Structure formats: structure tokens, C-alpha cells
Amino acid sequence: MMKLSLTKIAATVGGVALALSAGAGLASADPVTDEMVNTTCTYDQANAALHAENPTAAQYFDQSPANQQFMQEFLGSPKDKRVSMINQVRGNQGIEYVIPVFQQMVRACHKY
């Protein structure tokens, strides 16, 4: 089983989502980018959702302060900063593992 750090996961999700919508602009971004950039969830909500919805991913997340810092900064940032953060990590590998985890977290976080 492949083990990925959540920093790489979070960074990859953002990076690939931006790459998928590159040149389209924020207003016409794809649904993955829209969900990530436009979420109103706090870090605490996202963290609770991750732990409740995907305990395996949460275990990796809990073991990495860098992952936690990235997510705190991302969720605490305005939309333009989120887009910038996504742009900075667009070349990371492993997106096929990351998108479902990040989408699940963003879609569920409002319940927590």
C-alpha cells in the first residue's frame, strides 16, 4: 500500500485542480477547483470531516505538522490566496489518490 503525506496530498489536489482549469479563470474553473477555493469551512470543520469520513487519511494527516499547517493556511486564506497556493503546487504527483480525499473532506465539512 502506498503511503503519501497529506501535505503532498493537499498540495497535489490543489495543483492538479488548478492545472485542470488553467487559463479558464476562477469564474469558470472546474468543480474540483470551485469546491476547494470556495469552501467556507474552517480548519476545525475540515479536520473533523477528515477524521469522521476518512480515518485512514486522517491518520497520515495527524502525523505531519506540515500537512496541518498547509491546510490551516489554505482554509484561512481568501480566495485569491487559495488560487495562488494551488498554483504553487500544480506539478505535484499523486493526484489520483488526492482528489477523492479532498473532495470528500470539502463536501462533508459543513456537517461538522
PDB file of N, CA and C in Angstrom:
ATOM      1  N   MET A   1       0.839  -1.169   0.000  1.00  0.00           N
ATOM      2  CA  MET A   1       0.000   0.000   0.000  1.00  0.00           C
ATOM      3  C   MET A   1       0.887   1.235   0.000  1.00  0.00           C
ATOM      4  N   MET A   2       0.595   2.151  -0.867  1.00  0.00           N
ATOM      5  CA  MET A   2       1.392   3.362  -0.989  1.00  0.00           C
ATOM      6  C   MET A   2       1.012   4.352   0.096  1.00  0.00           C
ATOM      7  N   LYS A   3       2.003   4.897   0.785  1.00  0.00           N
ATOM      8  CA  LYS A   3       1.752   5.887   1.822  1.00  0.00           C
ATOM      9  C   LYS A   3       2.169   7.253   1.297  1.00  0.00           C
ATOM     10  N   LEU A   4       1.240   8.189   1.308  1.00  0.00           N
ATOM     11  CA  LEU A   4       1.516   9.544   0.872  1.00  0.00           C
ATOM     12  C   LEU A   4       1.359  10.487   2.041  1.00  0.00           C
ATOM     13  N   SER A   5       2.183  11.513   2.106  1.00  0.00           N
ATOM     14  CA  SER A   5       1.987  12.506   3.152  1.00  0.00           C
ATOM     15  C   SER A   5       0.808  13.372   2.750  1.00  0.00           C
ATOM     16  N   LEU A   6       0.063  13.851   3.733  1.00  0.00           N
ATOM     17  CA  LEU A   6      -1.100  14.667   3.417  1.00  0.00           C
ATOM     18  C   LEU A   6      -0.689  16.009   2.841  1.00  0.00           C
ATOM     19  N   THR A   7       0.508  16.494   3.152  1.00  0.00           N
ATOM     20  CA  THR A   7       0.969  17.724   2.519  1.00  0.00           C
ATOM     21  C   THR A   7       1.018  17.506   1.023  1.00  0.00           C
ATOM     22  N   LYS A   8       1.605  16.389   0.626  1.00  0.00           N
ATOM     23  CA  LYS A   8       1.657  16.080  -0.795  1.00  0.00           C
ATOM     24  C   LYS A   8       0.252  15.894  -1.336  1.00  0.00           C
ATOM     25  N   ILE A   9      -0.602  15.266  -0.547  1.00  0.00           N
ATOM     26  CA  ILE A   9      -1.977  15.059  -0.978  1.00  0.00           C
ATOM     27  C   ILE A   9      -2.673  16.393  -1.170  1.00  0.00           C
ATOM     28  N   ALA A  10      -2.640  17.234  -0.160  1.00  0.00           N
ATOM     29  CA  ALA A  10      -3.317  18.526  -0.244  1.00  0.00           C
ATOM     30  C   ALA A  10      -2.720  19.385  -1.344  1.00  0.00           C
ATOM     31  N   ALA A  11      -1.417  19.404  -1.420  1.00  0.00           N
ATOM     32  CA  ALA A  11      -0.754  20.203  -2.434  1.00  0.00           C
ATOM     33  C   ALA A  11      -1.063  19.684  -3.829  1.00  0.00           C
ATOM     34  N   THR A  12      -1.075  18.386  -3.974  1.00  0.00           N
ATOM     35  CA  THR A  12      -1.359  17.795  -5.267  1.00  0.00           C
ATOM     36  C   THR A  12      -2.784  18.068  -5.693  1.00  0.00           C
ATOM     37  N   VAL A  13      -3.711  17.944  -4.776  1.00  0.00           N
ATOM     38  CA  VAL A  13      -5.110  18.225  -5.109  1.00  0.00           C
ATOM     39  C   VAL A  13      -5.227  19.629  -5.654  1.00  0.00           C
ATOM     40  N   GLY A  14      -4.682  20.551  -4.930  1.00  0.00           N
ATOM     41  CA  GLY A  14      -4.753  21.935  -5.372  1.00  0.00           C
ATOM     42  C   GLY A  14      -4.051  22.154  -6.684  1.00  0.00           C
ATOM     43  N   GLY A  15      -2.874  21.590  -6.805  1.00  0.00           N
ATOM     44  CA  GLY A  15      -2.095  21.788  -8.009  1.00  0.00           C
ATOM     45  C   GLY A  15      -2.745  21.218  -9.247  1.00  0.00           C
ATOM     46  N   VAL A  16      -3.234  20.028  -9.155  1.00  0.00           N
ATOM     47  CA  VAL A  16      -3.861  19.415 -10.314  1.00  0.00           C
ATOM     48  C   VAL A  16      -5.180  20.088 -10.641  1.00  0.00           C
ATOM     49  N   ALA A  17      -5.930  20.453  -9.629  1.00  0.00           N
ATOM     50  CA  ALA A  17      -7.198  21.132  -9.889  1.00  0.00           C
ATOM     51  C   ALA A  17      -6.955  22.424 -10.647  1.00  0.00           C
ATOM     52  N   LEU A  18      -5.929  23.150 -10.261  1.00  0.00           N
ATOM     53  CA  LEU A  18      -5.623  24.382 -10.970  1.00  0.00           C
ATOM     54  C   LEU A  18      -5.160  24.071 -12.382  1.00  0.00           C
ATOM     55  N   ALA A  19      -4.347  23.052 -12.526  1.00  0.00           N
ATOM     56  CA  ALA A  19      -3.868  22.690 -13.851  1.00  0.00           C
ATOM     57  C   ALA A  19      -5.027  22.312 -14.765  1.00  0.00           C
ATOM     58  N   LEU A  20      -6.030  21.669 -14.210  1.00  0.00           N
ATOM     59  CA  LEU A  20      -7.191  21.284 -15.000  1.00  0.00           C
ATOM     60  C   LEU A  20      -7.957  22.492 -15.506  1.00  0.00           C
ATOM     61  N   SER A  21      -7.904  23.574 -14.751  1.00  0.00           N
ATOM     62  CA  SER A  21      -8.665  24.756 -15.133  1.00  0.00           C
ATOM     63  C   SER A  21      -7.767  25.903 -15.570  1.00  0.00           C
ATOM     64  N   ALA A  22      -6.502  25.641 -15.793  1.00  0.00           N
ATOM     65  CA  ALA A  22      -5.555  26.697 -16.151  1.00  0.00           C
ATOM     66  C   ALA A  22      -6.031  27.449 -17.378  1.00  0.00           C
ATOM     67  N   GLY A  23      -5.937  28.748 -17.280  1.00  0.00           N
ATOM     68  CA  GLY A  23      -6.335  29.592 -18.391  1.00  0.00           C
ATOM     69  C   GLY A  23      -7.813  29.879 -18.432  1.00  0.00           C
ATOM     70  N   ALA A  24      -8.597  29.174 -17.656  1.00  0.00           N
ATOM     71  CA  ALA A  24     -10.039  29.375 -17.693  1.00  0.00           C
ATOM     72  C   ALA A  24     -10.470  30.487 -16.756  1.00  0.00           C
ATOM     73  N   GLY A  25      -9.654  30.823 -15.787  1.00  0.00           N
ATOM     74  CA  GLY A  25     -10.021  31.851 -14.830  1.00  0.00           C
ATOM     75  C   GLY A  25     -10.860  31.266 -13.723  1.00  0.00           C
ATOM     76  N   LEU A  26     -10.875  31.936 -12.586  1.00  0.00           N
ATOM     77  CA  LEU A  26     -11.581  31.426 -11.417  1.00  0.00           C
ATOM     78  C   LEU A  26     -13.075  31.279 -11.664  1.00  0.00           C
ATOM     79  N   ALA A  27     -13.672  32.203 -12.385  1.00  0.00           N
ATOM     80  CA  ALA A  27     -15.122  32.178 -12.570  1.00  0.00           C
ATOM     81  C   ALA A  27     -15.576  30.941 -13.329  1.00  0.00           C
ATOM     82  N   SER A  28     -14.738  30.428 -14.211  1.00  0.00           N
ATOM     83  CA  SER A  28     -15.147  29.269 -14.996  1.00  0.00           C
ATOM     84  C   SER A  28     -14.330  28.031 -14.648  1.00  0.00           C
ATOM     85  N   ALA A  29     -13.813  27.994 -13.446  1.00  0.00           N
ATOM     86  CA  ALA A  29     -12.992  26.863 -13.018  1.00  0.00           C
ATOM     87  C   ALA A  29     -13.825  25.596 -12.937  1.00  0.00           C
ATOM     88  N   ASP A  30     -13.139  24.461 -12.951  1.00  0.00           N
ATOM     89  CA  ASP A  30     -13.835  23.185 -12.863  1.00  0.00           C
ATOM     90  C   ASP A  30     -14.403  22.988 -11.461  1.00  0.00           C
ATOM     91  N   PRO A  31     -15.314  22.042 -11.300  1.00  0.00           N
ATOM     92  CA  PRO A  31     -15.958  21.831  -9.990  1.00  0.00           C
ATOM     93  C   PRO A  31     -14.992  21.516  -8.856  1.00  0.00           C
ATOM     94  N   VAL A  32     -13.915  20.814  -9.121  1.00  0.00           N
ATOM     95  CA  VAL A  32     -12.958  20.491  -8.063  1.00  0.00           C
ATOM     96  C   VAL A  32     -12.321  21.771  -7.541  1.00  0.00           C
ATOM     97  N   THR A  33     -11.861  22.615  -8.441  1.00  0.00           N
ATOM     98  CA  THR A  33     -11.265  23.882  -8.038  1.00  0.00           C
ATOM     99  C   THR A  33     -12.289  24.742  -7.324  1.00  0.00           C
ATOM    100  N   ASP A  34     -13.490  24.816  -7.861  1.00  0.00           N
ATOM    101  CA  ASP A  34     -14.544  25.613  -7.227  1.00  0.00           C
ATOM    102  C   ASP A  34     -14.786  25.158  -5.798  1.00  0.00           C
ATOM    103  N   GLU A  35     -14.891  23.866  -5.590  1.00  0.00           N
ATOM    104  CA  GLU A  35     -15.134  23.342  -4.242  1.00  0.00           C
ATOM    105  C   GLU A  35     -14.016  23.716  -3.287  1.00  0.00           C
ATOM    106  N   MET A  36     -12.794  23.607  -3.741  1.00  0.00           N
ATOM    107  CA  MET A  36     -11.659  23.898  -2.867  1.00  0.00           C
ATOM    108  C   MET A  36     -11.546  25.384  -2.580  1.00  0.00           C
ATOM    109  N   VAL A  37     -11.615  26.189  -3.606  1.00  0.00           N
ATOM    110  CA  VAL A  37     -11.423  27.628  -3.452  1.00  0.00           C
ATOM    111  C   VAL A  37     -12.595  28.277  -2.733  1.00  0.00           C
ATOM    112  N   ASN A  38     -13.784  27.807  -2.977  1.00  0.00           N
ATOM    113  CA  ASN A  38     -14.980  28.470  -2.455  1.00  0.00           C
ATOM    114  C   ASN A  38     -15.516  27.901  -1.151  1.00  0.00           C
ATOM    115  N   THR A  39     -14.896  26.879  -0.611  1.00  0.00           N
ATOM    116  CA  THR A  39     -15.410  26.327   0.638  1.00  0.00           C
ATOM    117  C   THR A  39     -15.375  27.382   1.740  1.00  0.00           C
ATOM    118  N   THR A  40     -16.390  27.350   2.573  1.00  0.00           N
ATOM    119  CA  THR A  40     -16.448  28.268   3.718  1.00  0.00           C
ATOM    120  C   THR A  40     -16.106  27.536   5.013  1.00  0.00           C
ATOM    121  N   CYS A  41     -15.703  26.302   4.907  1.00  0.00           N
ATOM    122  CA  CYS A  41     -15.367  25.524   6.096  1.00  0.00           C
ATOM    123  C   CYS A  41     -14.102  26.045   6.761  1.00  0.00           C
ATOM    124  N   THR A  42     -14.087  25.935   8.059  1.00  0.00           N
ATOM    125  CA  THR A  42     -12.901  26.279   8.832  1.00  0.00           C
ATOM    126  C   THR A  42     -11.971  25.070   8.872  1.00  0.00           C
ATOM    127  N   TYR A  43     -10.780  25.300   9.359  1.00  0.00           N
ATOM    128  CA  TYR A  43      -9.833  24.199   9.538  1.00  0.00           C
ATOM    129  C   TYR A  43     -10.415  23.149  10.482  1.00  0.00           C
ATOM    130  N   ASP A  44     -11.021  23.596  11.573  1.00  0.00           N
ATOM    131  CA  ASP A  44     -11.586  22.643  12.536  1.00  0.00           C
ATOM    132  C   ASP A  44     -12.683  21.795  11.906  1.00  0.00           C
ATOM    133  N   GLN A  45     -13.528  22.404  11.084  1.00  0.00           N
ATOM    134  CA  GLN A  45     -14.577  21.646  10.401  1.00  0.00           C
ATOM    135  C   GLN A  45     -13.970  20.634   9.429  1.00  0.00           C
ATOM    136  N   ALA A  46     -12.995  21.082   8.653  1.00  0.00           N
ATOM    137  CA  ALA A  46     -12.362  20.193   7.678  1.00  0.00           C
ATOM    138  C   ALA A  46     -11.644  19.042   8.373  1.00  0.00           C
ATOM    139  N   ASN A  47     -10.967  19.345   9.451  1.00  0.00           N
ATOM    140  CA  ASN A  47     -10.262  18.318  10.214  1.00  0.00           C
ATOM    141  C   ASN A  47     -11.249  17.307  10.794  1.00  0.00           C
ATOM    142  N   ALA A  48     -12.351  17.790  11.338  1.00  0.00           N
ATOM    143  CA  ALA A  48     -13.377  16.888  11.879  1.00  0.00           C
ATOM    144  C   ALA A  48     -13.965  16.018  10.773  1.00  0.00           C
ATOM    145  N   ALA A  49     -14.219  16.615   9.621  1.00  0.00           N
ATOM    146  CA  ALA A  49     -14.762  15.856   8.495  1.00  0.00           C
ATOM    147  C   ALA A  49     -13.777  14.790   8.042  1.00  0.00           C
ATOM    148  N   LEU A  50     -12.512  15.155   7.941  1.00  0.00           N
ATOM    149  CA  LEU A  50     -11.496  14.196   7.523  1.00  0.00           C
ATOM    150  C   LEU A  50     -11.441  13.011   8.477  1.00  0.00           C
ATOM    151  N   HIS A  51     -11.459  13.282   9.775  1.00  0.00           N
ATOM    152  CA  HIS A  51     -11.401  12.207  10.770  1.00  0.00           C
ATOM    153  C   HIS A  51     -12.651  11.325  10.744  1.00  0.00           C
ATOM    154  N   ALA A  52     -13.797  11.934  10.541  1.00  0.00           N
ATOM    155  CA  ALA A  52     -15.046  11.169  10.533  1.00  0.00           C
ATOM    156  C   ALA A  52     -15.253  10.403   9.228  1.00  0.00           C
ATOM    157  N   GLU A  53     -14.895  11.021   8.121  1.00  0.00           N
ATOM    158  CA  GLU A  53     -15.201  10.453   6.809  1.00  0.00           C
ATOM    159  C   GLU A  53     -14.086   9.564   6.257  1.00  0.00           C
ATOM    160  N   ASN A  54     -12.847   9.812   6.671  1.00  0.00           N
ATOM    161  CA  ASN A  54     -11.726   9.050   6.126  1.00  0.00           C
ATOM    162  C   ASN A  54     -10.626   8.901   7.181  1.00  0.00           C
ATOM    163  N   PRO A  55     -10.832   8.016   8.144  1.00  0.00           N
ATOM    164  CA  PRO A  55      -9.861   7.843   9.228  1.00  0.00           C
ATOM    165  C   PRO A  55      -8.447   7.487   8.760  1.00  0.00           C
ATOM    166  N   THR A  56      -8.329   6.782   7.659  1.00  0.00           N
ATOM    167  CA  THR A  56      -7.002   6.426   7.160  1.00  0.00           C
ATOM    168  C   THR A  56      -6.238   7.666   6.719  1.00  0.00           C
ATOM    169  N   ALA A  57      -6.879   8.517   5.943  1.00  0.00           N
ATOM    170  CA  ALA A  57      -6.233   9.769   5.529  1.00  0.00           C
ATOM    171  C   ALA A  57      -5.959  10.648   6.739  1.00  0.00           C
ATOM    172  N   ALA A  58      -6.867  10.654   7.698  1.00  0.00           N
ATOM    173  CA  ALA A  58      -6.689  11.456   8.915  1.00  0.00           C
ATOM    174  C   ALA A  58      -5.456  11.006   9.690  1.00  0.00           C
ATOM    175  N   GLN A  59      -5.198   9.716   9.686  1.00  0.00           N
ATOM    176  CA  GLN A  59      -4.021   9.195  10.385  1.00  0.00           C
ATOM    177  C   GLN A  59      -2.739   9.776   9.788  1.00  0.00           C
ATOM    178  N   TYR A  60      -2.646   9.808   8.467  1.00  0.00           N
ATOM    179  CA  TYR A  60      -1.478  10.399   7.814  1.00  0.00           C
ATOM    180  C   TYR A  60      -1.400  11.890   8.107  1.00  0.00           C
ATOM    181  N   PHE A  61      -2.540  12.547   8.060  1.00  0.00           N
ATOM    182  CA  PHE A  61      -2.614  13.988   8.314  1.00  0.00           C
ATOM    183  C   PHE A  61      -2.107  14.318   9.712  1.00  0.00           C
ATOM    184  N   ASP A  62      -2.537  13.548  10.682  1.00  0.00           N
ATOM    185  CA  ASP A  62      -2.155  13.790  12.076  1.00  0.00           C
ATOM    186  C   ASP A  62      -0.656  13.636  12.318  1.00  0.00           C
ATOM    187  N   GLN A  63       0.007  12.883  11.478  1.00  0.00           N
ATOM    188  CA  GLN A  63       1.436  12.625  11.650  1.00  0.00           C
ATOM    189  C   GLN A  63       2.321  13.669  10.977  1.00  0.00           C
ATOM    190  N   SER A  64       1.708  14.676  10.380  1.00  0.00           N
ATOM    191  CA  SER A  64       2.512  15.655   9.654  1.00  0.00           C
ATOM    192  C   SER A  64       2.116  17.088   9.986  1.00  0.00           C
ATOM    193  N   PRO A  65       2.906  17.754  10.812  1.00  0.00           N
ATOM    194  CA  PRO A  65       2.641  19.166  11.092  1.00  0.00           C
ATOM    195  C   PRO A  65       2.642  20.027   9.822  1.00  0.00           C
ATOM    196  N   ALA A  66       3.460  19.667   8.847  1.00  0.00           N
ATOM    197  CA  ALA A  66       3.488  20.429   7.592  1.00  0.00           C
ATOM    198  C   ALA A  66       2.150  20.334   6.865  1.00  0.00           C
ATOM    199  N   ASN A  67       1.544  19.155   6.886  1.00  0.00           N
ATOM    200  CA  ASN A  67       0.225  18.986   6.272  1.00  0.00           C
ATOM    201  C   ASN A  67      -0.802  19.853   6.976  1.00  0.00           C
ATOM    202  N   GLN A  68      -0.755  19.827   8.283  1.00  0.00           N
ATOM    203  CA  GLN A  68      -1.704  20.604   9.077  1.00  0.00           C
ATOM    204  C   GLN A  68      -1.523  22.099   8.828  1.00  0.00           C
ATOM    205  N   GLN A  69      -0.291  22.542   8.746  1.00  0.00           N
ATOM    206  CA  GLN A  69      -0.015  23.956   8.502  1.00  0.00           C
ATOM    207  C   GLN A  69      -0.531  24.385   7.129  1.00  0.00           C
ATOM    208  N   PHE A  70      -0.287  23.553   6.114  1.00  0.00           N
ATOM    209  CA  PHE A  70      -0.769  23.873   4.776  1.00  0.00           C
ATOM    210  C   PHE A  70      -2.286  24.026   4.777  1.00  0.00           C
ATOM    211  N   MET A  71      -2.968  23.071   5.392  1.00  0.00           N
ATOM    212  CA  MET A  71      -4.426  23.107   5.399  1.00  0.00           C
ATOM    213  C   MET A  71      -4.946  24.299   6.196  1.00  0.00           C
ATOM    214  N   GLN A  72      -4.315  24.612   7.313  1.00  0.00           N
ATOM    215  CA  GLN A  72      -4.729  25.778   8.097  1.00  0.00           C
ATOM    216  C   GLN A  72      -4.567  27.051   7.289  1.00  0.00           C
ATOM    217  N   GLU A  73      -3.430  27.191   6.640  1.00  0.00           N
ATOM    218  CA  GLU A  73      -3.197  28.390   5.843  1.00  0.00           C
ATOM    219  C   GLU A  73      -4.171  28.464   4.674  1.00  0.00           C
ATOM    220  N   PHE A  74      -4.362  27.344   3.986  1.00  0.00           N
ATOM    221  CA  PHE A  74      -5.256  27.324   2.831  1.00  0.00           C
ATOM    222  C   PHE A  74      -6.672  27.723   3.230  1.00  0.00           C
ATOM    223  N   LEU A  75      -7.208  27.075   4.255  1.00  0.00           N
ATOM    224  CA  LEU A  75      -8.595  27.340   4.646  1.00  0.00           C
ATOM    225  C   LEU A  75      -8.765  28.700   5.313  1.00  0.00           C
ATOM    226  N   GLY A  76      -7.706  29.258   5.847  1.00  0.00           N
ATOM    227  CA  GLY A  76      -7.771  30.572   6.469  1.00  0.00           C
ATOM    228  C   GLY A  76      -7.502  31.713   5.505  1.00  0.00           C
ATOM    229  N   SER A  77      -7.260  31.387   4.253  1.00  0.00           N
ATOM    230  CA  SER A  77      -6.896  32.397   3.258  1.00  0.00           C
ATOM    231  C   SER A  77      -8.090  32.825   2.422  1.00  0.00           C
ATOM    232  N   PRO A  78      -8.026  34.045   1.882  1.00  0.00           N
ATOM    233  CA  PRO A  78      -9.063  34.479   0.941  1.00  0.00           C
ATOM    234  C   PRO A  78      -8.915  33.712  -0.377  1.00  0.00           C
ATOM    235  N   LYS A  79      -9.924  33.804  -1.212  1.00  0.00           N
ATOM    236  CA  LYS A  79      -9.954  33.029  -2.452  1.00  0.00           C
ATOM    237  C   LYS A  79      -8.738  33.261  -3.336  1.00  0.00           C
ATOM    238  N   ASP A  80      -8.299  34.507  -3.478  1.00  0.00           N
ATOM    239  CA  ASP A  80      -7.162  34.765  -4.359  1.00  0.00           C
ATOM    240  C   ASP A  80      -5.885  34.100  -3.850  1.00  0.00           C
ATOM    241  N   LYS A  81      -5.705  34.058  -2.558  1.00  0.00           N
ATOM    242  CA  LYS A  81      -4.540  33.382  -1.965  1.00  0.00           C
ATOM    243  C   LYS A  81      -4.655  31.870  -2.158  1.00  0.00           C
ATOM    244  N   ARG A  82      -5.871  31.338  -2.050  1.00  0.00           N
ATOM    245  CA  ARG A  82      -6.065  29.901  -2.278  1.00  0.00           C
ATOM    246  C   ARG A  82      -5.677  29.529  -3.701  1.00  0.00           C
ATOM    247  N   VAL A  83      -6.087  30.356  -4.644  1.00  0.00           N
ATOM    248  CA  VAL A  83      -5.728  30.105  -6.040  1.00  0.00           C
ATOM    249  C   VAL A  83      -4.212  30.131  -6.193  1.00  0.00           C
ATOM    250  N   SER A  84      -3.561  31.089  -5.551  1.00  0.00           N
ATOM    251  CA  SER A  84      -2.103  31.187  -5.599  1.00  0.00           C
ATOM    252  C   SER A  84      -1.450  29.945  -4.998  1.00  0.00           C
ATOM    253  N   MET A  85      -1.964  29.481  -3.879  1.00  0.00           N
ATOM    254  CA  MET A  85      -1.416  28.278  -3.243  1.00  0.00           C
ATOM    255  C   MET A  85      -1.587  27.066  -4.149  1.00  0.00           C
ATOM    256  N   ILE A  86      -2.735  26.979  -4.781  1.00  0.00           N
ATOM    257  CA  ILE A  86      -2.991  25.881  -5.715  1.00  0.00           C
ATOM    258  C   ILE A  86      -1.990  25.945  -6.860  1.00  0.00           C
ATOM    259  N   ASN A  87      -1.775  27.141  -7.377  1.00  0.00           N
ATOM    260  CA  ASN A  87      -0.852  27.329  -8.493  1.00  0.00           C
ATOM    261  C   ASN A  87       0.568  26.906  -8.125  1.00  0.00           C
ATOM    262  N   GLN A  88       0.965  27.145  -6.903  1.00  0.00           N
ATOM    263  CA  GLN A  88       2.322  26.823  -6.462  1.00  0.00           C
ATOM    264  C   GLN A  88       2.600  25.321  -6.421  1.00  0.00           C
ATOM    265  N   VAL A  89       1.578  24.513  -6.311  1.00  0.00           N
ATOM    266  CA  VAL A  89       1.788  23.071  -6.156  1.00  0.00           C
ATOM    267  C   VAL A  89       1.283  22.266  -7.347  1.00  0.00           C
ATOM    268  N   ARG A  90       1.038  22.921  -8.436  1.00  0.00           N
ATOM    269  CA  ARG A  90       0.405  22.249  -9.570  1.00  0.00           C
ATOM    270  C   ARG A  90       1.189  21.080 -10.150  1.00  0.00           C
ATOM    271  N   GLY A  91       2.479  21.005  -9.954  1.00  0.00           N
ATOM    272  CA  GLY A  91       3.272  19.937 -10.545  1.00  0.00           C
ATOM    273  C   GLY A  91       3.418  18.688  -9.691  1.00  0.00           C
ATOM    274  N   ASN A  92       2.830  18.659  -8.533  1.00  0.00           N
ATOM    275  CA  ASN A  92       2.989  17.502  -7.641  1.00  0.00           C
ATOM    276  C   ASN A  92       2.308  16.251  -8.196  1.00  0.00           C
ATOM    277  N   GLN A  93       2.864  15.091  -7.850  1.00  0.00           N
ATOM    278  CA  GLN A  93       2.338  13.810  -8.322  1.00  0.00           C
ATOM    279  C   GLN A  93       1.347  13.223  -7.319  1.00  0.00           C
ATOM    280  N   GLY A  94       0.549  12.270  -7.754  1.00  0.00           N
ATOM    281  CA  GLY A  94      -0.340  11.530  -6.878  1.00  0.00           C
ATOM    282  C   GLY A  94      -1.770  12.017  -6.857  1.00  0.00           C
ATOM    283  N   ILE A  95      -2.148  12.821  -7.819  1.00  0.00           N
ATOM    284  CA  ILE A  95      -3.477  13.422  -7.806  1.00  0.00           C
ATOM    285  C   ILE A  95      -4.603  12.392  -7.790  1.00  0.00           C
ATOM    286  N   GLU A  96      -4.382  11.263  -8.409  1.00  0.00           N
ATOM    287  CA  GLU A  96      -5.439  10.253  -8.462  1.00  0.00           C
ATOM    288  C   GLU A  96      -5.803   9.728  -7.078  1.00  0.00           C
ATOM    289  N   TYR A  97      -4.913   9.900  -6.119  1.00  0.00           N
ATOM    290  CA  TYR A  97      -5.200   9.492  -4.745  1.00  0.00           C
ATOM    291  C   TYR A  97      -5.776  10.639  -3.921  1.00  0.00           C
ATOM    292  N   VAL A  98      -5.470  11.829  -4.329  1.00  0.00           N
ATOM    293  CA  VAL A  98      -5.767  13.005  -3.536  1.00  0.00           C
ATOM    294  C   VAL A  98      -7.147  13.588  -3.786  1.00  0.00           C
ATOM    295  N   ILE A  99      -7.536  13.700  -5.024  1.00  0.00           N
ATOM    296  CA  ILE A  99      -8.797  14.374  -5.345  1.00  0.00           C
ATOM    297  C   ILE A  99      -9.972  13.777  -4.585  1.00  0.00           C
ATOM    298  N   PRO A 100     -10.150  12.471  -4.571  1.00  0.00           N
ATOM    299  CA  PRO A 100     -11.303  11.929  -3.840  1.00  0.00           C
ATOM    300  C   PRO A 100     -11.283  12.254  -2.345  1.00  0.00           C
ATOM    301  N   VAL A 101     -10.100  12.253  -1.734  1.00  0.00           N
ATOM    302  CA  VAL A 101      -9.991  12.558  -0.303  1.00  0.00           C
ATOM    303  C   VAL A 101     -10.341  14.014  -0.042  1.00  0.00           C
ATOM    304  N   PHE A 102      -9.780  14.898  -0.838  1.00  0.00           N
ATOM    305  CA  PHE A 102     -10.027  16.326  -0.639  1.00  0.00           C
ATOM    306  C   PHE A 102     -11.485  16.669  -0.926  1.00  0.00           C
ATOM    307  N   GLN A 103     -12.032  16.115  -2.000  1.00  0.00           N
ATOM    308  CA  GLN A 103     -13.442  16.365  -2.313  1.00  0.00           C
ATOM    309  C   GLN A 103     -14.340  15.874  -1.188  1.00  0.00           C
ATOM    310  N   GLN A 104     -14.064  14.698  -0.682  1.00  0.00           N
ATOM    311  CA  GLN A 104     -14.859  14.139   0.407  1.00  0.00           C
ATOM    312  C   GLN A 104     -14.820  15.060   1.615  1.00  0.00           C
ATOM    313  N   MET A 105     -13.646  15.558   1.943  1.00  0.00           N
ATOM    314  CA  MET A 105     -13.492  16.446   3.093  1.00  0.00           C
ATOM    315  C   MET A 105     -14.255  17.750   2.879  1.00  0.00           C
ATOM    316  N   VAL A 106     -14.082  18.362   1.715  1.00  0.00           N
ATOM    317  CA  VAL A 106     -14.730  19.647   1.438  1.00  0.00           C
ATOM    318  C   VAL A 106     -16.249  19.500   1.385  1.00  0.00           C
ATOM    319  N   ARG A 107     -16.718  18.416   0.827  1.00  0.00           N
ATOM    320  CA  ARG A 107     -18.169  18.206   0.729  1.00  0.00           C
ATOM    321  C   ARG A 107     -18.805  17.900   2.080  1.00  0.00           C
ATOM    322  N   ALA A 108     -18.041  17.298   2.977  1.00  0.00           N
ATOM    323  CA  ALA A 108     -18.596  16.883   4.269  1.00  0.00           C
ATOM    324  C   ALA A 108     -18.374  17.888   5.388  1.00  0.00           C
ATOM    325  N   CYS A 109     -17.460  18.801   5.228  1.00  0.00           N
ATOM    326  CA  CYS A 109     -17.039  19.647   6.353  1.00  0.00           C
ATOM    327  C   CYS A 109     -18.156  20.509   6.930  1.00  0.00           C
ATOM    328  N   HIS A 110     -19.154  20.838   6.163  1.00  0.00           N
ATOM    329  CA  HIS A 110     -20.250  21.674   6.671  1.00  0.00           C
ATOM    330  C   HIS A 110     -21.103  20.948   7.710  1.00  0.00           C
ATOM    331  N   LYS A 111     -20.958  19.642   7.791  1.00  0.00           N
ATOM    332  CA  LYS A 111     -21.703  18.866   8.794  1.00  0.00           C
ATOM    333  C   LYS A 111     -21.038  18.892  10.161  1.00  0.00           C
ATOM    334  N   TYR A 112     -19.838  19.451  10.239  1.00  0.00           N
ATOM    335  CA  TYR A 112     -19.064  19.372  11.477  1.00  0.00           C
ATOM    336  C   TYR A 112     -18.773  20.747  12.052  1.00  0.00           C
TER     337      TYR A 112
END
